[in-house]
Amino acid sequence: MYAWFFRSLPGPFWLRLLIGLVLIAGVILVLFVYVFPWVSGRVSLWTDSTIGWALL
């Protein structure tokens, strides 16, 4: 799948590599800015605990 994606990008190798890196950085940015905060606001399983730090 990744080979098909890389081959479908336009231009020479260095341009395809640059476009691929920009796309990967864009996906990571969208995940950290929008998706992860949205998920953490709706999933309280990991942030709510019944055991206090004093007991550990």
N, C-alpha and C. Protein backbone atom coordinates (compact mmCIF):
# COMPACT_ATOMS: atom_id res chain seq x y z
N MET A 1 0.82 -1.18 0.00
CA MET A 1 0.00 0.00 0.00
C MET A 1 0.87 1.26 0.00
N TYR A 2 1.91 1.27 0.81
CA TYR A 2 2.76 2.45 0.87
C TYR A 2 3.53 2.64 -0.43
N ALA A 3 3.92 1.54 -1.06
CA ALA A 3 4.63 1.64 -2.35
C ALA A 3 3.69 2.23 -3.40
N TRP A 4 2.44 1.80 -3.42
CA TRP A 4 1.49 2.35 -4.37
C TRP A 4 1.30 3.84 -4.13
N PHE A 5 1.18 4.24 -2.88
CA PHE A 5 1.01 5.65 -2.55
C PHE A 5 2.21 6.46 -3.00
N PHE A 6 3.41 5.93 -2.75
CA PHE A 6 4.63 6.64 -3.11
C PHE A 6 4.76 6.74 -4.63
N ARG A 7 4.42 5.68 -5.34
CA ARG A 7 4.50 5.71 -6.81
C ARG A 7 3.46 6.62 -7.43
N SER A 8 2.33 6.84 -6.75
CA SER A 8 1.28 7.68 -7.32
C SER A 8 1.54 9.17 -7.14
N LEU A 9 2.53 9.53 -6.33
CA LEU A 9 2.87 10.94 -6.18
C LEU A 9 3.60 11.45 -7.42
N PRO A 10 3.38 12.71 -7.79
CA PRO A 10 4.01 13.23 -9.01
C PRO A 10 5.46 13.66 -8.77
N GLY A 11 6.24 13.70 -9.86
CA GLY A 11 7.57 14.26 -9.82
C GLY A 11 8.67 13.25 -9.64
N PRO A 12 9.89 13.75 -9.59
CA PRO A 12 11.05 12.86 -9.37
C PRO A 12 11.09 12.37 -7.93
N PHE A 13 12.08 11.52 -7.66
CA PHE A 13 12.17 10.88 -6.34
C PHE A 13 12.24 11.89 -5.21
N TRP A 14 13.08 12.91 -5.35
CA TRP A 14 13.26 13.87 -4.25
C TRP A 14 11.97 14.64 -3.98
N LEU A 15 11.19 14.93 -5.04
CA LEU A 15 9.92 15.64 -4.84
C LEU A 15 8.88 14.74 -4.20
N ARG A 16 8.85 13.48 -4.62
CA ARG A 16 7.90 12.53 -4.00
C ARG A 16 8.24 12.34 -2.53
N LEU A 17 9.53 12.29 -2.23
CA LEU A 17 9.94 12.15 -0.84
C LEU A 17 9.53 13.37 -0.02
N LEU A 18 9.72 14.54 -0.57
CA LEU A 18 9.33 15.78 0.12
C LEU A 18 7.82 15.85 0.32
N ILE A 19 7.06 15.53 -0.70
CA ILE A 19 5.59 15.54 -0.59
C ILE A 19 5.13 14.52 0.44
N GLY A 20 5.74 13.34 0.43
CA GLY A 20 5.38 12.32 1.41
C GLY A 20 5.66 12.75 2.83
N LEU A 21 6.81 13.38 3.04
CA LEU A 21 7.14 13.86 4.39
C LEU A 21 6.20 14.96 4.85
N VAL A 22 5.83 15.85 3.93
CA VAL A 22 4.89 16.92 4.27
C VAL A 22 3.52 16.34 4.61
N LEU A 23 3.09 15.35 3.84
CA LEU A 23 1.80 14.72 4.13
C LEU A 23 1.81 13.99 5.48
N ILE A 24 2.89 13.30 5.77
CA ILE A 24 3.00 12.61 7.06
C ILE A 24 3.01 13.62 8.21
N ALA A 25 3.74 14.72 8.04
CA ALA A 25 3.76 15.76 9.08
C ALA A 25 2.38 16.38 9.25
N GLY A 26 1.66 16.55 8.15
CA GLY A 26 0.30 17.10 8.24
C GLY A 26 -0.64 16.18 8.99
N VAL A 27 -0.54 14.89 8.73
CA VAL A 27 -1.39 13.92 9.44
C VAL A 27 -1.06 13.93 10.93
N ILE A 28 0.21 13.95 11.27
CA ILE A 28 0.61 13.98 12.68
C ILE A 28 0.13 15.26 13.35
N LEU A 29 0.23 16.37 12.65
CA LEU A 29 -0.24 17.64 13.21
C LEU A 29 -1.75 17.62 13.46
N VAL A 30 -2.51 17.11 12.51
CA VAL A 30 -3.97 17.02 12.70
C VAL A 30 -4.30 16.10 13.87
N LEU A 31 -3.58 15.00 14.00
CA LEU A 31 -3.83 14.10 15.13
C LEU A 31 -3.57 14.79 16.46
N PHE A 32 -2.44 15.48 16.59
CA PHE A 32 -2.11 16.09 17.88
C PHE A 32 -2.96 17.32 18.19
N VAL A 33 -3.39 18.07 17.17
CA VAL A 33 -4.13 19.30 17.42
C VAL A 33 -5.62 19.06 17.58
N TYR A 34 -6.18 18.13 16.80
CA TYR A 34 -7.64 17.97 16.79
C TYR A 34 -8.11 16.62 17.34
N VAL A 35 -7.53 15.53 16.89
CA VAL A 35 -8.07 14.21 17.21
C VAL A 35 -7.78 13.80 18.64
N PHE A 36 -6.52 13.88 19.08
CA PHE A 36 -6.18 13.44 20.43
C PHE A 36 -6.87 14.26 21.51
N PRO A 37 -6.94 15.62 21.41
CA PRO A 37 -7.70 16.35 22.43
C PRO A 37 -9.19 16.00 22.43
N TRP A 38 -9.75 15.75 21.26
CA TRP A 38 -11.17 15.37 21.19
C TRP A 38 -11.40 14.04 21.87
N VAL A 39 -10.52 13.07 21.63
CA VAL A 39 -10.66 11.75 22.24
C VAL A 39 -10.44 11.82 23.74
N SER A 40 -9.46 12.59 24.20
CA SER A 40 -9.20 12.64 25.63
C SER A 40 -10.33 13.32 26.40
N GLY A 41 -11.07 14.18 25.76
CA GLY A 41 -12.21 14.80 26.42
C GLY A 41 -13.39 13.86 26.57
N ARG A 42 -13.43 12.82 25.76
CA ARG A 42 -14.55 11.88 25.79
C ARG A 42 -14.21 10.57 26.48
N VAL A 43 -12.95 10.29 26.69
CA VAL A 43 -12.54 9.06 27.35
C VAL A 43 -11.91 9.43 28.68
N SER A 44 -12.62 9.17 29.74
CA SER A 44 -12.09 9.49 31.05
C SER A 44 -11.57 8.25 31.75
N LEU A 45 -11.47 7.16 31.05
CA LEU A 45 -11.03 5.90 31.64
C LEU A 45 -9.60 6.00 32.16
N TRP A 46 -8.72 6.67 31.41
CA TRP A 46 -7.32 6.72 31.79
C TRP A 46 -7.01 7.86 32.77
N THR A 47 -7.87 8.86 32.84
CA THR A 47 -7.57 10.00 33.70
C THR A 47 -8.26 9.90 35.05
N ASP A 48 -9.34 9.19 35.16
CA ASP A 48 -10.05 9.04 36.43
C ASP A 48 -9.53 7.80 37.14
N SER A 49 -9.06 7.99 38.36
CA SER A 49 -8.60 6.85 39.12
C SER A 49 -9.26 6.85 40.49
N THR A 50 -9.35 5.67 41.05
CA THR A 50 -9.95 5.55 42.38
C THR A 50 -8.89 5.40 43.46
N ILE A 51 -7.64 5.24 43.05
CA ILE A 51 -6.54 5.10 44.00
C ILE A 51 -5.72 6.38 43.99
N GLY A 52 -5.53 6.97 45.16
CA GLY A 52 -4.76 8.21 45.24
C GLY A 52 -3.28 7.94 45.18
N TRP A 53 -2.51 8.97 44.88
CA TRP A 53 -1.06 8.84 44.80
C TRP A 53 -0.44 8.57 46.17
N ALA A 54 -1.12 8.93 47.23
CA ALA A 54 -0.58 8.73 48.57
C ALA A 54 -0.50 7.23 48.90
N LEU A 55 -1.36 6.44 48.30
CA LEU A 55 -1.38 5.01 48.59
C LEU A 55 -0.31 4.26 47.84
N LEU A 56 0.25 4.85 46.81
CA LEU A 56 1.28 4.14 46.04
C LEU A 56 2.58 4.35 46.68
